[in-house]
Amino acid sequence: MQYIFVKPKNSLVTEYYLSIIEEAIKVNNNCPISYSKKSGIQKDDIFLVTNIIDAIKIIVAHPKNKFVFWEQGAEPEESYMRNKSLVRKKILSFLEYIVLKKSDMIFFVSKEMEKYNEKHYKLNLNFKSYIMPCFNVEIINENFFKSNKYKENSFAYVGSLAKWQCFNETMELYSKIEHEIKNSKLYVYTSSLNEARIVIEKNNIRNYQIKFVSQDNLNKELSEIKFGFCLREESLVNRVATPTKISSYLASGVIPIFTKSITSFSLQFAEMKYVVELGNVRDYKTILEFLKKDIQSDDVYLEYNQLFTKYYNRDKYIKEISSLAIFQSQ
């Protein structure tokens, strides 16, 4: 037998997530891992798929084979946000129900996602699900101790300008912060340089830098920065999500500014001192209040290191996943 990973065409998040599962399989299993599903499929081969359409193709083409489904997000809802097609959303929702029901095991990125799917589709999924948040980096100790890191008010935005990432709202919020405090600076890391500049200038932001950096170089850029934005409007997509950029911020000692609409983080970070949770995307006064704090690198590192020990711990997930029945030697 073999495990066959059906990967999407492009996703750094997927690569890191699946690499954890690969390592878990290798712990106590000598079965090979393949990345091709075209020929030579045996009845005891097990598929791992990362989206609804690929899962449906496996169900149709190989109905007797077991498969593992990784649900990274609320696909039907995300599709509707992109395309505004209710018909497409309903079709994807129907297909998702089939995939969740027929899957032999499911990876969810949050407990909220598991609970939503159980309630929405009236399915019992807990017995065959495993929760692991999206993340793609481990903690980088030296990034917490850069000179003046927590003395200067530097802010970062990382990501695309897709509407659901709330770039416009983030720039409106930051503009108010810049107006209220002295010596703040904004760093925007995106591939949409011209579009970002237009929005920034529209909001009369004065002190800023825009550039594109690869994922490999992002941690170096973040090493000098104090705050990182991850704002989201209230929606199902955000309630069940665990945006990867938060792990990138935390790994480099960047204090995340996020909205409570990202329910998983709101719950996970509830007892933490060095995070900034906003009531909504316009809540700049909470940030201004946080700026009054005297922040020490040692304190931030201690708190974030604990989080990476229990929540963003690659070794922990490898050990737990390796013990799951479907990944045991067959």
Protein backbone atom coordinates (compact mmCIF):
# COMPACT_ATOMS: atom_id res chain seq x y z
CA MET A 1 0.00 0.00 0.00
CA GLN A 2 0.95 3.65 -0.25
CA TYR A 3 -0.30 7.05 0.88
CA ILE A 4 -1.15 9.29 -2.05
CA PHE A 5 -1.09 13.03 -1.38
CA VAL A 6 -3.20 15.03 -3.82
CA LYS A 7 -1.78 18.54 -3.43
CA PRO A 8 -3.28 21.78 -4.74
CA LYS A 9 -1.28 23.67 -7.36
CA ASN A 10 0.01 26.42 -5.09
CA SER A 11 -0.06 26.85 -1.35
CA LEU A 12 2.84 27.38 1.04
CA VAL A 13 0.45 26.74 3.92
CA THR A 14 -0.49 23.37 2.46
CA GLU A 15 3.16 22.39 1.97
CA TYR A 16 4.04 22.93 5.63
CA TYR A 17 0.83 21.35 6.94
CA LEU A 18 1.23 18.25 4.77
CA SER A 19 4.91 17.96 5.68
CA ILE A 20 3.84 17.45 9.29
CA ILE A 21 1.51 14.63 8.24
CA GLU A 22 4.26 13.10 6.12
CA GLU A 23 6.64 13.08 9.08
CA ALA A 24 3.94 11.50 11.24
CA ILE A 25 3.45 8.68 8.73
CA LYS A 26 7.18 7.97 8.71
CA VAL A 27 7.33 7.57 12.50
CA ASN A 28 5.99 4.01 12.51
CA ASN A 29 5.10 3.22 8.93
CA ASN A 30 7.31 2.04 6.09
CA CYS A 31 4.67 2.64 3.46
CA PRO A 32 5.76 4.95 0.62
CA ILE A 33 4.24 8.38 0.05
CA SER A 34 3.33 9.28 -3.52
CA TYR A 35 2.16 12.48 -5.25
CA SER A 36 0.57 10.93 -8.31
CA LYS A 37 -2.94 9.53 -8.58
CA LYS A 38 -3.07 8.67 -12.28
CA SER A 39 -2.24 4.98 -12.45
CA GLY A 40 -1.27 1.88 -10.51
CA ILE A 41 -3.73 2.50 -7.68
CA GLN A 42 -4.17 -0.46 -5.35
CA LYS A 43 -7.29 -1.07 -3.28
CA ASP A 44 -5.43 -0.58 0.00
CA ASP A 45 -3.86 2.77 -1.02
CA ILE A 46 -4.98 5.74 1.09
CA PHE A 47 -5.52 9.21 -0.38
CA LEU A 48 -5.05 12.55 1.34
CA VAL A 49 -6.86 15.45 -0.35
CA THR A 50 -7.04 19.16 0.47
CA ASN A 51 -10.18 20.43 -1.28
CA ILE A 52 -13.72 19.35 -2.04
CA ILE A 53 -13.41 18.88 -5.80
CA ASP A 54 -10.32 16.66 -5.56
CA ALA A 55 -12.05 14.62 -2.86
CA ILE A 56 -15.12 14.09 -5.06
CA LYS A 57 -12.87 12.95 -7.92
CA ILE A 58 -11.30 10.36 -5.62
CA ILE A 59 -14.70 9.16 -4.39
CA VAL A 60 -15.88 8.68 -8.00
CA ALA A 61 -12.67 7.18 -9.43
CA HIS A 62 -11.66 5.06 -6.43
CA PRO A 63 -14.79 4.44 -4.34
CA LYS A 64 -13.28 1.53 -2.39
CA ASN A 65 -10.15 3.37 -1.28
CA LYS A 66 -9.89 5.14 2.04
CA PHE A 67 -9.20 8.87 2.01
CA VAL A 68 -8.24 11.61 4.46
CA PHE A 69 -9.68 15.08 3.94
CA TRP A 70 -8.01 18.29 5.10
CA GLU A 71 -10.53 21.12 5.48
CA GLN A 72 -8.45 24.29 5.44
CA GLY A 73 -11.42 26.66 5.23
CA ALA A 74 -15.16 26.97 4.66
CA GLU A 75 -14.96 26.37 0.90
CA PRO A 76 -18.61 27.03 -0.06
CA GLU A 77 -18.62 30.32 1.87
CA GLU A 78 -15.23 31.36 0.48
CA SER A 79 -16.47 30.63 -3.03
CA TYR A 80 -19.50 32.84 -2.48
CA MET A 81 -17.31 35.67 -1.19
CA ARG A 82 -15.21 35.47 -4.37
CA ASN A 83 -17.89 34.82 -6.99
CA LYS A 84 -21.20 35.92 -5.44
CA SER A 85 -22.80 32.82 -6.96
CA LEU A 86 -25.44 31.26 -4.71
CA VAL A 87 -25.80 28.30 -7.08
CA ARG A 88 -22.08 27.51 -6.90
CA LYS A 89 -22.19 27.81 -3.12
CA LYS A 90 -25.10 25.35 -2.86
CA ILE A 91 -23.40 22.85 -5.16
CA LEU A 92 -20.16 23.04 -3.18
CA SER A 93 -22.09 22.68 0.06
CA PHE A 94 -23.79 19.52 -1.22
CA LEU A 95 -20.46 18.09 -2.35
CA GLU A 96 -18.87 19.02 0.97
CA TYR A 97 -21.55 17.05 2.80
CA ILE A 98 -20.69 13.97 0.72
CA VAL A 99 -16.97 14.40 1.33
CA LEU A 100 -17.34 14.87 5.09
CA LYS A 101 -19.68 11.88 5.36
CA LYS A 102 -17.57 9.50 3.28
CA SER A 103 -14.11 10.53 4.49
CA ASP A 104 -12.30 8.08 6.74
CA MET A 105 -10.54 10.86 8.63
CA ILE A 106 -10.68 14.68 8.62
CA PHE A 107 -8.18 17.36 9.56
CA PHE A 108 -9.82 20.59 10.74
CA VAL A 109 -7.87 23.79 11.39
CA SER A 110 -10.04 24.74 14.36
CA LYS A 111 -12.53 23.26 16.81
CA GLU A 112 -14.99 25.89 15.61
CA MET A 113 -14.80 24.43 12.12
CA GLU A 114 -15.54 20.95 13.39
CA LYS A 115 -18.50 22.16 15.47
CA TYR A 116 -19.92 24.20 12.58
CA ASN A 117 -19.81 21.27 10.15
CA GLU A 118 -21.39 18.89 12.63
CA LYS A 119 -24.25 21.30 13.25
CA HIS A 120 -24.70 22.45 9.66
CA TYR A 121 -24.68 18.99 8.07
CA LYS A 122 -26.08 17.09 11.07
CA LEU A 123 -23.11 14.73 11.08
CA ASN A 124 -21.08 13.21 13.88
CA LEU A 125 -17.49 13.97 12.91
CA ASN A 126 -15.66 14.09 16.22
CA PHE A 127 -14.79 10.40 16.18
CA LYS A 128 -12.80 10.74 12.95
CA SER A 129 -11.41 14.27 13.16
CA TYR A 130 -8.16 15.86 14.34
CA ILE A 131 -7.59 19.57 15.05
CA MET A 132 -4.38 21.28 13.93
CA PRO A 133 -4.21 25.04 13.23
CA CYS A 134 -2.64 26.53 10.12
CA PHE A 135 0.97 27.57 10.70
CA ASN A 136 4.15 27.47 8.66
CA VAL A 137 7.01 28.49 10.93
CA GLU A 138 8.59 27.70 14.29
CA ILE A 139 9.55 30.29 16.88
CA ILE A 140 12.67 32.32 16.02
CA ASN A 141 14.31 33.23 19.34
CA GLU A 142 16.65 35.97 18.13
CA ASN A 143 13.82 37.96 16.52
CA PHE A 144 12.48 38.87 19.95
CA PHE A 145 15.63 40.64 21.05
CA LYS A 146 16.37 43.15 18.30
CA SER A 147 17.42 46.57 19.54
CA ASN A 148 14.43 48.91 20.09
CA LYS A 149 11.96 46.34 18.72
CA TYR A 150 9.34 47.18 21.36
CA LYS A 151 10.32 50.81 21.79
CA GLU A 152 9.43 52.00 18.29
CA ASN A 153 5.86 51.88 17.01
CA SER A 154 6.26 49.90 13.79
CA PHE A 155 3.29 48.14 12.19
CA ALA A 156 3.17 45.45 9.48
CA TYR A 157 0.54 44.24 7.06
CA VAL A 158 1.33 40.92 5.35
CA GLY A 159 -0.78 39.41 2.59
CA SER A 160 -2.82 40.04 -0.50
CA LEU A 161 -5.35 42.78 -1.13
CA ALA A 162 -8.26 40.34 -1.39
CA LYS A 163 -11.41 41.91 0.01
CA TRP A 164 -11.74 39.41 2.85
CA GLN A 165 -8.25 40.38 4.12
CA CYS A 166 -9.60 43.87 4.91
CA PHE A 167 -6.65 45.82 3.53
CA ASN A 168 -8.72 48.98 2.99
CA GLU A 169 -10.13 48.80 6.51
CA THR A 170 -6.66 48.17 7.91
CA MET A 171 -5.28 51.26 6.17
CA GLU A 172 -8.18 53.37 7.46
CA LEU A 173 -7.47 52.12 10.97
CA TYR A 174 -3.74 52.74 10.74
CA SER A 175 -4.30 56.24 9.38
CA LYS A 176 -6.09 57.13 12.62
CA ILE A 177 -3.25 55.65 14.67
CA GLU A 178 -0.65 57.64 12.73
CA HIS A 179 -2.67 60.79 13.31
CA GLU A 180 -2.73 60.17 17.09
CA ILE A 181 0.86 59.13 17.80
CA LYS A 182 4.31 60.30 16.74
CA ASN A 183 7.03 58.32 15.01
CA SER A 184 4.95 55.37 13.83
CA LYS A 185 5.79 53.56 10.61
CA LEU A 186 3.83 51.15 8.43
CA TYR A 187 5.39 48.26 6.49
CA VAL A 188 3.25 46.57 3.85
CA TYR A 189 4.43 43.24 2.43
CA THR A 190 2.38 42.29 -0.61
CA SER A 191 2.75 41.41 -4.28
CA SER A 192 0.15 44.05 -5.23
CA LEU A 193 2.51 47.02 -4.89
CA ASN A 194 0.75 49.61 -7.05
CA GLU A 195 -2.73 48.83 -5.76
CA ALA A 196 -1.50 49.00 -2.17
CA ARG A 197 0.16 52.36 -2.74
CA ILE A 198 -3.09 53.82 -4.10
CA VAL A 199 -5.02 52.77 -0.98
CA ILE A 200 -2.28 54.00 1.35
CA GLU A 201 -2.10 57.42 -0.29
CA LYS A 202 -5.88 57.68 -0.36
CA ASN A 203 -5.78 57.38 3.44
CA ASN A 204 -3.11 60.10 3.73
CA ILE A 205 -0.60 57.78 5.40
CA ARG A 206 2.77 59.52 5.48
CA ASN A 207 5.41 57.18 6.85
CA TYR A 208 5.30 53.84 5.08
CA GLN A 209 7.22 51.29 3.04
CA ILE A 210 5.80 48.82 0.52
CA LYS A 211 7.69 45.82 -0.78
CA PHE A 212 7.30 42.23 -1.86
CA VAL A 213 9.26 39.60 0.05
CA SER A 214 9.32 35.85 -0.33
CA GLN A 215 8.10 33.63 2.48
CA ASP A 216 11.73 32.66 3.12
CA ASN A 217 12.69 36.29 3.78
CA LEU A 218 9.56 37.39 5.63
CA ASN A 219 10.83 36.42 9.08
CA LYS A 220 13.90 38.61 8.63
CA GLU A 221 11.69 41.58 7.74
CA LEU A 222 9.42 40.97 10.73
CA SER A 223 12.32 40.76 13.16
CA GLU A 224 12.40 44.56 13.55
CA ILE A 225 8.63 45.11 13.77
CA LYS A 226 6.47 45.54 16.86
CA PHE A 227 2.86 45.01 15.63
CA GLY A 228 1.20 43.00 12.85
CA PHE A 229 -2.34 43.45 11.50
CA CYS A 230 -4.81 40.64 10.85
CA LEU A 231 -8.26 42.24 10.71
CA ARG A 232 -11.37 40.42 9.57
CA GLU A 233 -15.06 41.26 9.33
CA GLU A 234 -17.63 39.05 11.05
CA SER A 235 -18.38 36.00 8.88
CA LEU A 236 -18.45 32.21 9.00
CA VAL A 237 -15.19 32.07 7.02
CA ASN A 238 -13.39 34.03 9.72
CA ARG A 239 -15.05 32.33 12.68
CA VAL A 240 -13.63 28.95 11.69
CA ALA A 241 -10.27 30.11 10.28
CA THR A 242 -6.75 30.15 11.74
CA PRO A 243 -4.86 32.57 9.43
CA THR A 244 -1.26 31.57 8.93
CA LYS A 245 0.04 35.12 9.13
CA ILE A 246 -0.68 35.14 12.87
CA SER A 247 1.82 32.33 13.39
CA SER A 248 4.36 34.27 11.30
CA TYR A 249 3.88 37.32 13.49
CA LEU A 250 4.13 35.41 16.76
CA ALA A 251 7.17 33.42 15.67
CA SER A 252 9.09 36.68 15.16
CA GLY A 253 7.85 38.39 18.31
CA VAL A 254 5.43 40.62 16.41
CA ILE A 255 2.40 41.48 18.55
CA PRO A 256 -0.72 40.55 16.55
CA ILE A 257 -3.57 43.03 16.19
CA PHE A 258 -6.63 40.97 15.31
CA THR A 259 -10.40 41.18 15.48
CA LYS A 260 -12.53 39.00 17.73
CA SER A 261 -14.34 37.75 14.61
CA ILE A 262 -11.44 35.26 14.26
CA THR A 263 -13.02 33.11 16.93
CA SER A 264 -10.28 30.51 17.23
CA PHE A 265 -7.66 33.11 18.10
CA SER A 266 -10.03 35.02 20.35
CA LEU A 267 -10.43 31.86 22.43
CA GLN A 268 -6.83 30.66 22.20
CA PHE A 269 -5.31 34.02 23.13
CA ALA A 270 -7.86 34.95 25.80
CA GLU A 271 -5.38 34.84 28.69
CA MET A 272 -2.41 36.34 26.84
CA LYS A 273 -1.07 39.81 27.68
CA TYR A 274 0.84 40.56 24.49
CA VAL A 275 -1.89 40.39 21.87
CA VAL A 276 -4.30 43.14 20.81
CA GLU A 277 -7.87 41.99 20.21
CA LEU A 278 -10.18 44.54 18.61
CA GLY A 279 -13.94 44.57 18.84
CA ASN A 280 -14.15 45.42 15.12
CA VAL A 281 -12.05 46.72 12.23
CA ARG A 282 -12.54 50.36 13.34
CA ASP A 283 -11.51 49.90 16.97
CA TYR A 284 -8.29 51.96 16.92
CA LYS A 285 -8.70 53.18 20.52
CA THR A 286 -7.86 49.72 21.88
CA ILE A 287 -4.52 49.96 20.04
CA LEU A 288 -3.83 53.42 21.44
CA GLU A 289 -4.47 52.11 24.95
CA PHE A 290 -2.11 49.16 24.41
CA LEU A 291 0.64 51.54 23.26
CA LYS A 292 0.89 52.84 26.82
CA LYS A 293 2.36 49.51 27.98
CA ASP A 294 6.03 49.13 28.81
CA ILE A 295 6.98 45.96 26.94
CA GLN A 296 10.05 43.85 27.65
CA SER A 297 11.42 41.34 25.13
CA ASP A 298 11.85 38.64 27.78
CA ASP A 299 8.19 38.83 28.76
CA VAL A 300 6.94 38.59 25.19
CA TYR A 301 9.25 35.69 24.41
CA LEU A 302 8.16 33.76 27.51
CA GLU A 303 4.48 34.11 26.63
CA TYR A 304 4.87 33.29 22.93
CA ASN A 305 7.20 30.38 23.59
CA GLN A 306 4.51 28.80 25.76
CA LEU A 307 2.07 29.19 22.87
CA PHE A 308 4.47 27.46 20.47
CA THR A 309 4.87 24.68 22.99
CA LYS A 310 1.18 23.87 23.22
CA TYR A 311 -0.48 25.28 20.07
CA TYR A 312 2.06 25.69 17.25
CA ASN A 313 4.22 22.69 18.17
CA ARG A 314 5.30 20.70 15.12
CA ASP A 315 6.79 17.84 17.14
CA LYS A 316 3.64 17.54 19.25
CA TYR A 317 1.43 17.22 16.18
CA ILE A 318 3.75 14.70 14.52
CA LYS A 319 3.63 12.51 17.63
CA GLU A 320 -0.16 12.72 18.00
CA ILE A 321 -0.91 12.20 14.30
CA SER A 322 1.43 9.22 14.12
CA SER A 323 -0.74 7.49 16.73
CA LEU A 324 -3.96 7.86 14.69
CA ALA A 325 -5.25 4.52 13.42
CA ILE A 326 -5.24 5.46 9.73
CA PHE A 327 -1.54 6.31 9.90
CA GLN A 328 -0.47 3.13 11.69
CA SER A 329 1.35 0.35 9.83
CA GLN A 330 -1.24 -1.46 7.77
